[in-house]
């Protein structure tokens, strides 16, 4: 039962990573002028890495025995920590890249000028050309393309932050489980919280998680 309780979030982590990858790959596919921005290509990597992390975590959960080496037990924890950092960085990159004025994906001018949404551009001033106009000069059609791109971008941003939170949860769970299994050999430095505060927090978390 405990394994199934952890397997559920593992499956969710995989599906989120797959969605992140799919959304970013869509941007790469539709990009018209030049190469897709680094933020988009980096997100493709993060999504693929997140799927790998979820598969490894599920495999260890299902097939590794309780007596497996600490490397096997803590390997997924390390991978989750790395993925959390990568996903957080990608989410921040999207948030910065999208900037302000795009919260509702309704301002056509802001969306057109945004380098993550306009499918590439070249030239300057009146001679500037945007990739989103490929195959059409219909402003309404272009607006809907930009709006679709904006919504996908916002979804990717949100999913990256959610993935970060889930991975950090796995990291906390993994370390607490390792500490319990080692009989207290694993210790953490908590600075000003002090030893007694840490023990209290640890026991509270363990009770909540049913460990």
N, C-alpha and C. Protein backbone atom coordinates (compact mmCIF):
# COMPACT_ATOMS: atom_id res chain seq x y z
N UNK A 1 0.82 -1.21 0.00
CA UNK A 1 0.00 0.00 0.00
C UNK A 1 0.86 1.26 0.00
N UNK A 2 1.94 1.24 0.80
CA UNK A 2 2.82 2.40 0.87
C UNK A 2 3.46 2.67 -0.49
N UNK A 3 3.85 1.58 -1.19
CA UNK A 3 4.45 1.74 -2.51
C UNK A 3 3.46 2.34 -3.49
N UNK A 4 2.22 1.90 -3.43
CA UNK A 4 1.21 2.42 -4.33
C UNK A 4 0.96 3.90 -4.07
N UNK A 5 1.03 4.29 -2.79
CA UNK A 5 0.82 5.69 -2.44
C UNK A 5 1.90 6.58 -3.04
N UNK A 6 3.12 6.06 -3.16
CA UNK A 6 4.22 6.83 -3.74
C UNK A 6 4.21 6.70 -5.26
N UNK A 7 3.75 5.54 -5.76
CA UNK A 7 3.74 5.32 -7.20
C UNK A 7 2.81 6.30 -7.92
N UNK A 8 1.71 6.68 -7.26
CA UNK A 8 0.77 7.63 -7.86
C UNK A 8 1.44 8.95 -8.23
N UNK A 9 2.13 9.60 -7.28
CA UNK A 9 2.86 10.83 -7.62
C UNK A 9 3.95 10.61 -8.66
N UNK A 10 4.56 9.41 -8.66
CA UNK A 10 5.57 9.11 -9.68
C UNK A 10 4.94 9.14 -11.08
N UNK A 11 3.77 8.54 -11.21
CA UNK A 11 3.07 8.54 -12.49
C UNK A 11 2.69 9.98 -12.87
N UNK A 12 2.23 10.74 -11.88
CA UNK A 12 1.88 12.14 -12.14
C UNK A 12 3.11 12.92 -12.60
N UNK A 13 4.25 12.68 -11.96
CA UNK A 13 5.49 13.34 -12.35
C UNK A 13 5.84 13.02 -13.81
N UNK A 14 5.66 11.76 -14.19
CA UNK A 14 5.95 11.35 -15.57
C UNK A 14 5.01 12.06 -16.55
N UNK A 15 3.73 12.11 -16.23
CA UNK A 15 2.75 12.73 -17.12
C UNK A 15 3.00 14.24 -17.25
N UNK A 16 3.36 14.87 -16.14
CA UNK A 16 3.68 16.31 -16.19
C UNK A 16 4.90 16.56 -17.07
N UNK A 17 5.93 15.74 -16.88
CA UNK A 17 7.14 15.89 -17.69
C UNK A 17 6.86 15.65 -19.17
N UNK A 18 6.01 14.66 -19.46
CA UNK A 18 5.64 14.37 -20.84
C UNK A 18 4.89 15.56 -21.45
N UNK A 19 4.01 16.17 -20.67
CA UNK A 19 3.26 17.33 -21.16
C UNK A 19 4.19 18.52 -21.39
N UNK A 20 5.11 18.74 -20.45
CA UNK A 20 6.10 19.82 -20.61
C UNK A 20 6.90 19.62 -21.89
N UNK A 21 7.35 18.39 -22.09
CA UNK A 21 8.10 18.07 -23.29
C UNK A 21 7.26 18.30 -24.54
N UNK A 22 6.03 17.84 -24.53
CA UNK A 22 5.16 17.97 -25.69
C UNK A 22 4.89 19.42 -26.06
N UNK A 23 4.62 20.26 -25.05
CA UNK A 23 4.34 21.67 -25.31
C UNK A 23 5.57 22.38 -25.88
N UNK A 24 6.73 22.12 -25.29
CA UNK A 24 7.95 22.75 -25.77
C UNK A 24 8.31 22.25 -27.17
N UNK A 25 8.13 20.96 -27.40
CA UNK A 25 8.43 20.40 -28.72
C UNK A 25 7.51 21.00 -29.79
N UNK A 26 6.30 21.33 -29.41
CA UNK A 26 5.37 21.98 -30.35
C UNK A 26 5.94 23.31 -30.81
N UNK A 27 6.48 24.08 -29.88
CA UNK A 27 7.09 25.37 -30.24
C UNK A 27 8.25 25.16 -31.21
N UNK A 28 9.08 24.17 -30.94
CA UNK A 28 10.21 23.89 -31.83
C UNK A 28 9.71 23.54 -33.22
N UNK A 29 8.64 22.76 -33.28
CA UNK A 29 8.11 22.30 -34.57
C UNK A 29 7.55 23.44 -35.40
N UNK A 30 6.86 24.39 -34.77
CA UNK A 30 6.19 25.45 -35.52
C UNK A 30 7.08 26.66 -35.75
N UNK A 31 8.29 26.65 -35.17
CA UNK A 31 9.15 27.84 -35.29
C UNK A 31 9.51 28.06 -36.75
N UNK A 32 9.47 29.32 -37.19
CA UNK A 32 9.62 29.64 -38.61
C UNK A 32 10.95 30.31 -38.92
N UNK A 33 11.30 31.34 -38.20
CA UNK A 33 12.49 32.13 -38.51
C UNK A 33 13.59 31.83 -37.49
N UNK A 34 14.70 31.28 -37.98
CA UNK A 34 15.80 30.94 -37.09
C UNK A 34 15.47 29.74 -36.23
N UNK A 35 16.26 29.57 -35.18
CA UNK A 35 16.05 28.46 -34.24
C UNK A 35 15.18 28.91 -33.08
N UNK A 36 14.45 27.97 -32.50
CA UNK A 36 13.65 28.29 -31.32
C UNK A 36 14.56 28.80 -30.21
N UNK A 37 14.08 29.75 -29.39
CA UNK A 37 14.89 30.30 -28.30
C UNK A 37 15.43 29.23 -27.35
N UNK A 38 16.50 29.58 -26.67
CA UNK A 38 17.15 28.65 -25.74
C UNK A 38 16.17 28.16 -24.68
N UNK A 39 15.32 29.04 -24.18
CA UNK A 39 14.35 28.65 -23.15
C UNK A 39 13.49 27.48 -23.62
N UNK A 40 13.05 27.52 -24.86
CA UNK A 40 12.20 26.46 -25.40
C UNK A 40 12.98 25.17 -25.56
N UNK A 41 14.18 25.27 -26.14
CA UNK A 41 14.98 24.05 -26.35
C UNK A 41 15.43 23.45 -25.02
N UNK A 42 15.72 24.31 -24.05
CA UNK A 42 16.09 23.83 -22.72
C UNK A 42 14.92 23.10 -22.07
N UNK A 43 13.71 23.61 -22.28
CA UNK A 43 12.52 22.98 -21.69
C UNK A 43 12.28 21.60 -22.28
N UNK A 44 12.59 21.41 -23.57
CA UNK A 44 12.50 20.08 -24.17
C UNK A 44 13.40 19.11 -23.41
N UNK A 45 14.62 19.55 -23.12
CA UNK A 45 15.55 18.70 -22.36
C UNK A 45 15.02 18.42 -20.96
N UNK A 46 14.50 19.44 -20.29
CA UNK A 46 13.99 19.26 -18.93
C UNK A 46 12.84 18.27 -18.91
N UNK A 47 11.93 18.38 -19.88
CA UNK A 47 10.82 17.44 -19.95
C UNK A 47 11.29 16.01 -20.14
N UNK A 48 12.25 15.81 -21.04
CA UNK A 48 12.78 14.46 -21.28
C UNK A 48 13.49 13.93 -20.04
N UNK A 49 14.25 14.79 -19.38
CA UNK A 49 14.96 14.36 -18.17
C UNK A 49 13.97 14.02 -17.06
N UNK A 50 12.89 14.78 -16.96
CA UNK A 50 11.87 14.51 -15.96
C UNK A 50 11.21 13.16 -16.17
N UNK A 51 10.97 12.79 -17.42
CA UNK A 51 10.41 11.46 -17.71
C UNK A 51 11.39 10.37 -17.28
N UNK A 52 12.66 10.57 -17.56
CA UNK A 52 13.68 9.60 -17.16
C UNK A 52 13.72 9.45 -15.64
N UNK A 53 13.67 10.57 -14.93
CA UNK A 53 13.70 10.54 -13.46
C UNK A 53 12.50 9.79 -12.91
N UNK A 54 11.33 10.03 -13.48
CA UNK A 54 10.12 9.35 -13.01
C UNK A 54 10.20 7.85 -13.25
N UNK A 55 10.74 7.45 -14.40
CA UNK A 55 10.86 6.03 -14.70
C UNK A 55 11.84 5.35 -13.74
N UNK A 56 12.97 6.01 -13.49
CA UNK A 56 13.95 5.45 -12.55
C UNK A 56 13.36 5.34 -11.16
N UNK A 57 12.67 6.38 -10.71
CA UNK A 57 12.06 6.36 -9.38
C UNK A 57 11.03 5.24 -9.24
N UNK A 58 10.20 5.07 -10.26
CA UNK A 58 9.19 4.01 -10.22
C UNK A 58 9.84 2.63 -10.23
N UNK A 59 10.90 2.47 -11.03
CA UNK A 59 11.59 1.17 -11.12
C UNK A 59 12.21 0.79 -9.78
N UNK A 60 12.86 1.75 -9.14
CA UNK A 60 13.48 1.47 -7.83
C UNK A 60 12.39 1.16 -6.80
N UNK A 61 11.31 1.90 -6.85
CA UNK A 61 10.22 1.69 -5.91
C UNK A 61 9.62 0.29 -6.05
N UNK A 62 9.45 -0.16 -7.28
CA UNK A 62 8.77 -1.43 -7.53
C UNK A 62 9.69 -2.63 -7.41
N UNK A 63 10.94 -2.48 -7.80
CA UNK A 63 11.81 -3.65 -7.94
C UNK A 63 12.98 -3.72 -6.96
N UNK A 64 13.35 -2.60 -6.35
CA UNK A 64 14.48 -2.63 -5.41
C UNK A 64 14.01 -3.16 -4.06
N UNK A 65 14.81 -4.01 -3.47
CA UNK A 65 14.45 -4.57 -2.17
C UNK A 65 14.80 -3.58 -1.06
N UNK A 66 14.23 -3.82 0.11
CA UNK A 66 14.50 -2.95 1.25
C UNK A 66 15.96 -2.98 1.66
N UNK A 67 16.65 -4.08 1.34
CA UNK A 67 18.05 -4.22 1.73
C UNK A 67 19.01 -3.74 0.64
N UNK A 68 18.47 -3.08 -0.40
CA UNK A 68 19.31 -2.58 -1.49
C UNK A 68 20.31 -1.57 -0.95
N UNK A 69 21.41 -1.40 -1.66
CA UNK A 69 22.47 -0.50 -1.22
C UNK A 69 21.96 0.93 -1.14
N UNK A 70 22.67 1.75 -0.35
CA UNK A 70 22.27 3.15 -0.19
C UNK A 70 22.33 3.90 -1.50
N UNK A 71 23.23 3.48 -2.40
CA UNK A 71 23.34 4.14 -3.70
C UNK A 71 22.05 3.93 -4.49
N UNK A 72 21.54 2.70 -4.45
CA UNK A 72 20.29 2.40 -5.16
C UNK A 72 19.13 3.16 -4.54
N UNK A 73 19.09 3.22 -3.21
CA UNK A 73 18.00 3.87 -2.51
C UNK A 73 18.03 5.39 -2.68
N UNK A 74 19.22 5.96 -2.64
CA UNK A 74 19.34 7.42 -2.69
C UNK A 74 19.52 7.96 -4.10
N UNK A 75 19.77 7.06 -5.08
CA UNK A 75 19.94 7.50 -6.46
C UNK A 75 18.75 8.30 -6.96
N UNK A 76 17.52 7.78 -6.81
CA UNK A 76 16.35 8.54 -7.25
C UNK A 76 16.20 9.88 -6.53
N UNK A 77 16.60 9.92 -5.27
CA UNK A 77 16.51 11.17 -4.51
C UNK A 77 17.42 12.22 -5.14
N UNK A 78 18.63 11.81 -5.50
CA UNK A 78 19.57 12.73 -6.14
C UNK A 78 19.03 13.19 -7.49
N UNK A 79 18.47 12.27 -8.26
CA UNK A 79 17.90 12.63 -9.56
C UNK A 79 16.73 13.60 -9.39
N UNK A 80 15.90 13.35 -8.38
CA UNK A 80 14.78 14.27 -8.14
C UNK A 80 15.28 15.66 -7.77
N UNK A 81 16.34 15.71 -6.97
CA UNK A 81 16.90 17.01 -6.58
C UNK A 81 17.41 17.77 -7.80
N UNK A 82 18.11 17.05 -8.68
CA UNK A 82 18.63 17.67 -9.90
C UNK A 82 17.47 18.15 -10.78
N UNK A 83 16.47 17.29 -10.94
CA UNK A 83 15.33 17.67 -11.78
C UNK A 83 14.59 18.88 -11.19
N UNK A 84 14.46 18.93 -9.88
CA UNK A 84 13.79 20.07 -9.25
C UNK A 84 14.50 21.37 -9.58
N UNK A 85 15.83 21.34 -9.54
CA UNK A 85 16.62 22.54 -9.86
C UNK A 85 16.44 22.92 -11.33
N UNK A 86 16.51 21.92 -12.22
CA UNK A 86 16.37 22.17 -13.65
C UNK A 86 14.97 22.70 -13.99
N UNK A 87 13.95 22.08 -13.40
CA UNK A 87 12.57 22.50 -13.67
C UNK A 87 12.31 23.90 -13.14
N UNK A 88 12.84 24.20 -11.95
CA UNK A 88 12.67 25.53 -11.38
C UNK A 88 13.33 26.58 -12.27
N UNK A 89 14.53 26.28 -12.75
CA UNK A 89 15.24 27.21 -13.64
C UNK A 89 14.44 27.44 -14.92
N UNK A 90 13.87 26.36 -15.47
CA UNK A 90 13.07 26.49 -16.70
C UNK A 90 11.81 27.32 -16.44
N UNK A 91 11.15 27.07 -15.32
CA UNK A 91 9.95 27.83 -14.99
C UNK A 91 10.25 29.31 -14.83
N UNK A 92 11.35 29.62 -14.17
CA UNK A 92 11.75 31.02 -14.00
C UNK A 92 12.08 31.64 -15.35
N UNK A 93 12.75 30.88 -16.22
CA UNK A 93 13.10 31.38 -17.55
C UNK A 93 11.85 31.74 -18.35
N UNK A 94 10.83 30.88 -18.27
CA UNK A 94 9.57 31.18 -18.95
C UNK A 94 8.90 32.42 -18.35
N UNK A 95 8.89 32.50 -17.02
CA UNK A 95 8.25 33.64 -16.36
C UNK A 95 8.93 34.95 -16.76
N UNK A 96 10.25 34.94 -16.80
CA UNK A 96 10.98 36.15 -17.19
C UNK A 96 10.77 36.44 -18.68
N UNK A 97 10.85 35.39 -19.49
CA UNK A 97 10.71 35.57 -20.93
C UNK A 97 9.34 36.08 -21.34
N UNK A 98 8.30 35.62 -20.67
CA UNK A 98 6.95 36.07 -20.99
C UNK A 98 6.70 37.48 -20.47
N UNK A 99 7.33 37.81 -19.35
CA UNK A 99 7.23 39.15 -18.81
C UNK A 99 5.82 39.54 -18.42
N UNK A 100 5.59 40.84 -18.31
CA UNK A 100 4.27 41.33 -17.92
C UNK A 100 3.38 41.59 -19.13
N UNK A 101 2.11 41.81 -18.86
CA UNK A 101 1.17 42.13 -19.92
C UNK A 101 0.60 40.94 -20.66
N UNK A 102 0.99 39.72 -20.26
CA UNK A 102 0.51 38.53 -20.96
C UNK A 102 -0.25 37.59 -20.03
N UNK A 103 -0.66 38.10 -18.89
CA UNK A 103 -1.30 37.24 -17.90
C UNK A 103 -2.57 36.57 -18.46
N UNK A 104 -3.34 37.32 -19.26
CA UNK A 104 -4.59 36.77 -19.79
C UNK A 104 -4.48 36.38 -21.26
N UNK A 105 -3.29 36.53 -21.84
CA UNK A 105 -3.05 36.18 -23.25
C UNK A 105 -4.07 36.86 -24.16
N UNK A 106 -4.29 38.17 -23.96
CA UNK A 106 -5.27 38.90 -24.77
C UNK A 106 -4.67 40.10 -25.50
N UNK A 107 -3.50 40.55 -25.11
CA UNK A 107 -2.92 41.75 -25.72
C UNK A 107 -2.09 41.34 -26.94
N UNK A 108 -2.67 41.53 -28.12
CA UNK A 108 -2.02 41.09 -29.34
C UNK A 108 -0.66 41.72 -29.57
N UNK A 109 -0.53 43.01 -29.28
CA UNK A 109 0.74 43.69 -29.49
C UNK A 109 1.86 43.13 -28.63
N UNK A 110 1.56 42.90 -27.37
CA UNK A 110 2.57 42.33 -26.47
C UNK A 110 2.95 40.91 -26.88
N UNK A 111 1.96 40.12 -27.30
CA UNK A 111 2.25 38.76 -27.72
C UNK A 111 3.11 38.73 -28.98
N UNK A 112 2.81 39.65 -29.92
CA UNK A 112 3.56 39.68 -31.17
C UNK A 112 5.02 40.05 -30.94
N UNK A 113 5.27 40.93 -30.01
CA UNK A 113 6.64 41.38 -29.74
C UNK A 113 7.43 40.39 -28.88
N UNK A 114 6.74 39.42 -28.29
CA UNK A 114 7.42 38.49 -27.39
C UNK A 114 8.17 37.42 -28.18
N UNK A 115 9.44 37.28 -27.90
CA UNK A 115 10.29 36.37 -28.67
C UNK A 115 10.03 34.89 -28.39
N UNK A 116 9.24 34.58 -27.38
CA UNK A 116 8.89 33.19 -27.11
C UNK A 116 7.59 32.79 -27.81
N UNK A 117 6.88 33.78 -28.35
CA UNK A 117 5.56 33.52 -28.91
C UNK A 117 5.43 33.80 -30.40
N UNK A 118 6.28 34.66 -30.95
CA UNK A 118 6.06 35.13 -32.33
C UNK A 118 6.65 34.23 -33.41
N UNK A 119 7.19 33.08 -33.01
CA UNK A 119 7.74 32.10 -33.95
C UNK A 119 8.91 32.63 -34.77
N UNK A 120 9.64 33.58 -34.17
CA UNK A 120 10.83 34.12 -34.79
C UNK A 120 10.57 35.43 -35.52
N UNK A 121 11.61 36.23 -35.67
CA UNK A 121 11.47 37.51 -36.38
C UNK A 121 12.80 37.90 -37.01
N UNK A 122 12.71 38.78 -38.00
CA UNK A 122 13.92 39.35 -38.60
C UNK A 122 13.59 40.73 -39.13
N UNK A 123 14.64 41.53 -39.34
CA UNK A 123 14.46 42.89 -39.79
C UNK A 123 14.18 43.82 -38.62
N UNK A 124 13.84 45.06 -38.95
CA UNK A 124 13.56 46.05 -37.91
C UNK A 124 12.59 47.09 -38.46
N UNK A 125 11.98 47.81 -37.54
CA UNK A 125 11.05 48.86 -37.93
C UNK A 125 9.90 48.34 -38.76
N UNK A 126 9.56 49.07 -39.82
CA UNK A 126 8.45 48.69 -40.69
C UNK A 126 8.77 47.45 -41.51
N UNK A 127 10.05 47.13 -41.62
CA UNK A 127 10.44 45.96 -42.41
C UNK A 127 10.54 44.68 -41.57
N UNK A 128 10.16 44.76 -40.31
CA UNK A 128 10.26 43.60 -39.45
C UNK A 128 9.23 42.55 -39.84
N UNK A 129 9.68 41.31 -39.91
CA UNK A 129 8.83 40.19 -40.29
C UNK A 129 8.75 39.20 -39.15
N UNK A 130 7.55 38.70 -38.87
CA UNK A 130 7.34 37.73 -37.78
C UNK A 130 6.93 36.38 -38.36
N UNK A 131 7.49 35.33 -37.79
CA UNK A 131 7.19 33.99 -38.26
C UNK A 131 5.74 33.59 -38.10
N UNK A 132 5.05 34.19 -37.13
CA UNK A 132 3.67 33.82 -36.86
C UNK A 132 2.75 34.19 -38.03
N UNK A 133 3.23 35.06 -38.94
CA UNK A 133 2.43 35.45 -40.11
C UNK A 133 2.59 34.48 -41.27
N UNK A 134 3.34 33.41 -41.09
CA UNK A 134 3.59 32.48 -42.19
C UNK A 134 2.27 31.94 -42.77
N UNK A 135 2.13 32.12 -44.09
CA UNK A 135 0.98 31.58 -44.79
C UNK A 135 -0.29 32.39 -44.69
N UNK A 136 -0.25 33.53 -44.01
CA UNK A 136 -1.47 34.33 -43.88
C UNK A 136 -1.14 35.78 -43.52
N UNK A 137 -2.02 36.68 -43.92
CA UNK A 137 -1.95 38.08 -43.50
C UNK A 137 -3.21 38.46 -42.73
N UNK A 138 -4.01 37.45 -42.42
CA UNK A 138 -5.25 37.66 -41.68
C UNK A 138 -4.90 37.94 -40.22
N UNK A 139 -5.15 39.16 -39.77
CA UNK A 139 -4.78 39.56 -38.41
C UNK A 139 -5.51 38.75 -37.35
N UNK A 140 -6.75 38.40 -37.61
CA UNK A 140 -7.50 37.62 -36.63
C UNK A 140 -6.90 36.22 -36.49
N UNK A 141 -6.50 35.63 -37.60
CA UNK A 141 -5.90 34.31 -37.57
C UNK A 141 -4.56 34.35 -36.84
N UNK A 142 -3.80 35.42 -37.11
CA UNK A 142 -2.50 35.58 -36.44
C UNK A 142 -2.71 35.78 -34.94
N UNK A 143 -3.73 36.55 -34.59
CA UNK A 143 -4.03 36.78 -33.17
C UNK A 143 -4.34 35.46 -32.46
N UNK A 144 -5.12 34.61 -33.10
CA UNK A 144 -5.46 33.32 -32.50
C UNK A 144 -4.23 32.42 -32.39
N UNK A 145 -3.32 32.51 -33.36
CA UNK A 145 -2.07 31.76 -33.26
C UNK A 145 -1.25 32.22 -32.07
N UNK A 146 -1.14 33.54 -31.93
CA UNK A 146 -0.39 34.09 -30.80
C UNK A 146 -1.04 33.73 -29.47
N UNK A 147 -2.34 33.78 -29.42
CA UNK A 147 -3.05 33.44 -28.19
C UNK A 147 -2.84 31.97 -27.83
N UNK A 148 -2.88 31.11 -28.84
CA UNK A 148 -2.61 29.70 -28.59
C UNK A 148 -1.21 29.47 -28.08
N UNK A 149 -0.23 30.16 -28.69
CA UNK A 149 1.15 30.05 -28.24
C UNK A 149 1.30 30.55 -26.80
N UNK A 150 0.62 31.64 -26.49
CA UNK A 150 0.71 32.22 -25.15
C UNK A 150 0.14 31.26 -24.11
N UNK A 151 -0.98 30.66 -24.41
CA UNK A 151 -1.61 29.74 -23.45
C UNK A 151 -0.75 28.49 -23.25
N UNK A 152 -0.14 28.01 -24.32
CA UNK A 152 0.76 26.86 -24.19
C UNK A 152 1.97 27.24 -23.33
N UNK A 153 2.49 28.44 -23.56
CA UNK A 153 3.65 28.89 -22.80
C UNK A 153 3.33 29.03 -21.32
N UNK A 154 2.16 29.60 -21.02
CA UNK A 154 1.76 29.75 -19.62
C UNK A 154 1.54 28.38 -18.98
N UNK A 155 1.00 27.45 -19.74
CA UNK A 155 0.78 26.10 -19.22
C UNK A 155 2.12 25.44 -18.91
N UNK A 156 3.08 25.58 -19.82
CA UNK A 156 4.41 25.01 -19.59
C UNK A 156 5.04 25.60 -18.34
N UNK A 157 4.92 26.91 -18.20
CA UNK A 157 5.48 27.58 -17.02
C UNK A 157 4.88 27.02 -15.74
N UNK A 158 3.55 26.92 -15.70
CA UNK A 158 2.88 26.42 -14.50
C UNK A 158 3.25 24.97 -14.21
N UNK A 159 3.29 24.13 -15.23
CA UNK A 159 3.62 22.72 -15.04
C UNK A 159 5.04 22.53 -14.54
N UNK A 160 5.94 23.39 -14.98
CA UNK A 160 7.33 23.30 -14.51
C UNK A 160 7.42 23.60 -13.01
N UNK A 161 6.67 24.57 -12.55
CA UNK A 161 6.68 24.88 -11.11
C UNK A 161 6.00 23.77 -10.30
N UNK A 162 4.93 23.20 -10.85
CA UNK A 162 4.28 22.08 -10.17
C UNK A 162 5.23 20.89 -10.10
N UNK A 163 5.93 20.62 -11.20
CA UNK A 163 6.90 19.51 -11.23
C UNK A 163 8.00 19.73 -10.21
N UNK A 164 8.42 20.98 -10.05
CA UNK A 164 9.45 21.30 -9.05
C UNK A 164 8.97 20.93 -7.66
N UNK A 165 7.74 21.31 -7.35
CA UNK A 165 7.19 21.02 -6.02
C UNK A 165 7.08 19.52 -5.77
N UNK A 166 6.62 18.77 -6.77
CA UNK A 166 6.49 17.32 -6.61
C UNK A 166 7.85 16.68 -6.39
N UNK A 167 8.85 17.10 -7.17
CA UNK A 167 10.20 16.53 -7.03
C UNK A 167 10.80 16.85 -5.67
N UNK A 168 10.58 18.05 -5.18
CA UNK A 168 11.08 18.40 -3.85
C UNK A 168 10.39 17.53 -2.79
N UNK A 169 9.12 17.22 -3.01
CA UNK A 169 8.42 16.32 -2.09
C UNK A 169 9.05 14.94 -2.07
N UNK A 170 9.45 14.44 -3.24
CA UNK A 170 10.14 13.15 -3.31
C UNK A 170 11.49 13.21 -2.60
N UNK A 171 12.17 14.34 -2.73
CA UNK A 171 13.48 14.48 -2.06
C UNK A 171 13.31 14.41 -0.55
N UNK A 172 12.33 15.13 -0.02
CA UNK A 172 12.09 15.12 1.43
C UNK A 172 11.70 13.72 1.88
N UNK A 173 10.79 13.10 1.13
CA UNK A 173 10.35 11.74 1.48
C UNK A 173 11.53 10.77 1.46
N UNK A 174 12.38 10.86 0.44
CA UNK A 174 13.51 9.95 0.31
C UNK A 174 14.50 10.08 1.45
N UNK A 175 14.80 11.30 1.84
CA UNK A 175 15.76 11.50 2.93
C UNK A 175 15.18 11.06 4.28
N UNK A 176 13.90 11.34 4.48
CA UNK A 176 13.29 10.90 5.74
C UNK A 176 13.24 9.38 5.82
N UNK A 177 12.94 8.73 4.70
CA UNK A 177 12.90 7.28 4.66
C UNK A 177 14.30 6.70 4.90
N UNK A 178 15.32 7.32 4.29
CA UNK A 178 16.69 6.85 4.47
C UNK A 178 17.13 7.03 5.92
N UNK A 179 16.74 8.12 6.51
CA UNK A 179 17.12 8.37 7.92
C UNK A 179 16.49 7.35 8.84
N UNK A 180 15.20 7.04 8.58
CA UNK A 180 14.52 6.06 9.41
C UNK A 180 15.14 4.68 9.26
N UNK A 181 15.48 4.31 8.01
CA UNK A 181 16.05 2.99 7.75
C UNK A 181 17.45 2.84 8.33
N UNK A 182 18.18 3.96 8.42
CA UNK A 182 19.56 3.89 8.90
C UNK A 182 19.66 3.99 10.42
N UNK A 183 18.53 4.12 11.06
CA UNK A 183 18.54 4.19 12.51
C UNK A 183 19.19 5.45 13.06
N UNK A 184 19.13 6.54 12.26
CA UNK A 184 19.65 7.81 12.74
C UNK A 184 21.04 8.13 12.27
N UNK A 185 21.61 7.31 11.40
CA UNK A 185 22.96 7.58 10.91
C UNK A 185 23.00 8.76 9.96
N UNK A 186 21.86 9.01 9.26
CA UNK A 186 21.81 10.15 8.36
C UNK A 186 21.38 11.38 9.14
N UNK A 187 22.14 12.42 9.09
CA UNK A 187 21.84 13.63 9.86
C UNK A 187 21.82 14.85 8.94
N UNK A 188 21.17 15.86 9.40
CA UNK A 188 21.05 17.08 8.62
C UNK A 188 21.44 18.28 9.48
N UNK A 189 22.02 19.31 8.83
CA UNK A 189 22.39 20.54 9.52
C UNK A 189 21.25 21.53 9.36
N UNK A 190 20.65 21.91 10.45
CA UNK A 190 19.51 22.81 10.38
C UNK A 190 19.77 24.18 10.97
N UNK A 191 21.04 24.51 11.23
CA UNK A 191 21.38 25.86 11.67
C UNK A 191 20.65 26.25 12.94
N UNK A 192 19.93 27.37 12.85
CA UNK A 192 19.32 27.96 14.02
C UNK A 192 18.13 27.19 14.57
N UNK A 193 17.58 26.28 13.77
CA UNK A 193 16.43 25.52 14.28
C UNK A 193 16.79 24.68 15.49
N UNK A 194 18.03 24.18 15.52
CA UNK A 194 18.46 23.38 16.66
C UNK A 194 18.02 21.94 16.56
N UNK A 195 18.71 21.08 17.31
CA UNK A 195 18.46 19.65 17.24
C UNK A 195 17.07 19.26 17.71
N UNK A 196 16.61 19.83 18.80
CA UNK A 196 15.30 19.44 19.33
C UNK A 196 14.18 19.83 18.37
N UNK A 197 14.29 21.01 17.78
CA UNK A 197 13.27 21.46 16.83
C UNK A 197 13.23 20.53 15.64
N UNK A 198 14.41 20.12 15.18
CA UNK A 198 14.49 19.23 14.01
C UNK A 198 13.83 17.88 14.31
N UNK A 199 14.13 17.30 15.47
CA UNK A 199 13.55 16.01 15.83
C UNK A 199 12.03 16.11 15.87
N UNK A 200 11.54 17.19 16.44
CA UNK A 200 10.09 17.38 16.51
C UNK A 200 9.48 17.48 15.11
N UNK A 201 10.10 18.27 14.23
CA UNK A 201 9.60 18.41 12.88
C UNK A 201 9.64 17.09 12.12
N UNK A 202 10.73 16.34 12.33
CA UNK A 202 10.88 15.07 11.64
C UNK A 202 9.79 14.10 12.07
N UNK A 203 9.53 14.00 13.39
CA UNK A 203 8.52 13.08 13.87
C UNK A 203 7.13 13.48 13.39
N UNK A 204 6.88 14.77 13.30
CA UNK A 204 5.59 15.25 12.81
C UNK A 204 5.38 14.87 11.35
N UNK A 205 6.41 15.09 10.53
CA UNK A 205 6.33 14.74 9.12
C UNK A 205 6.14 13.24 8.93
N UNK A 206 6.87 12.44 9.72
CA UNK A 206 6.75 10.98 9.61
C UNK A 206 5.35 10.52 9.97
N UNK A 207 4.75 11.14 10.99
CA UNK A 207 3.39 10.75 11.38
C UNK A 207 2.39 11.10 10.27
N UNK A 208 2.58 12.31 9.69
CA UNK A 208 1.66 12.74 8.63
C UNK A 208 1.76 11.83 7.42
N UNK A 209 3.02 11.41 7.10
CA UNK A 209 3.24 10.57 5.91
C UNK A 209 2.99 9.10 6.19
N UNK A 210 2.73 8.78 7.47
CA UNK A 210 2.42 7.41 7.82
C UNK A 210 3.62 6.48 7.81
N UNK A 211 4.84 7.04 8.03
CA UNK A 211 6.05 6.21 8.01
C UNK A 211 6.34 5.62 9.39
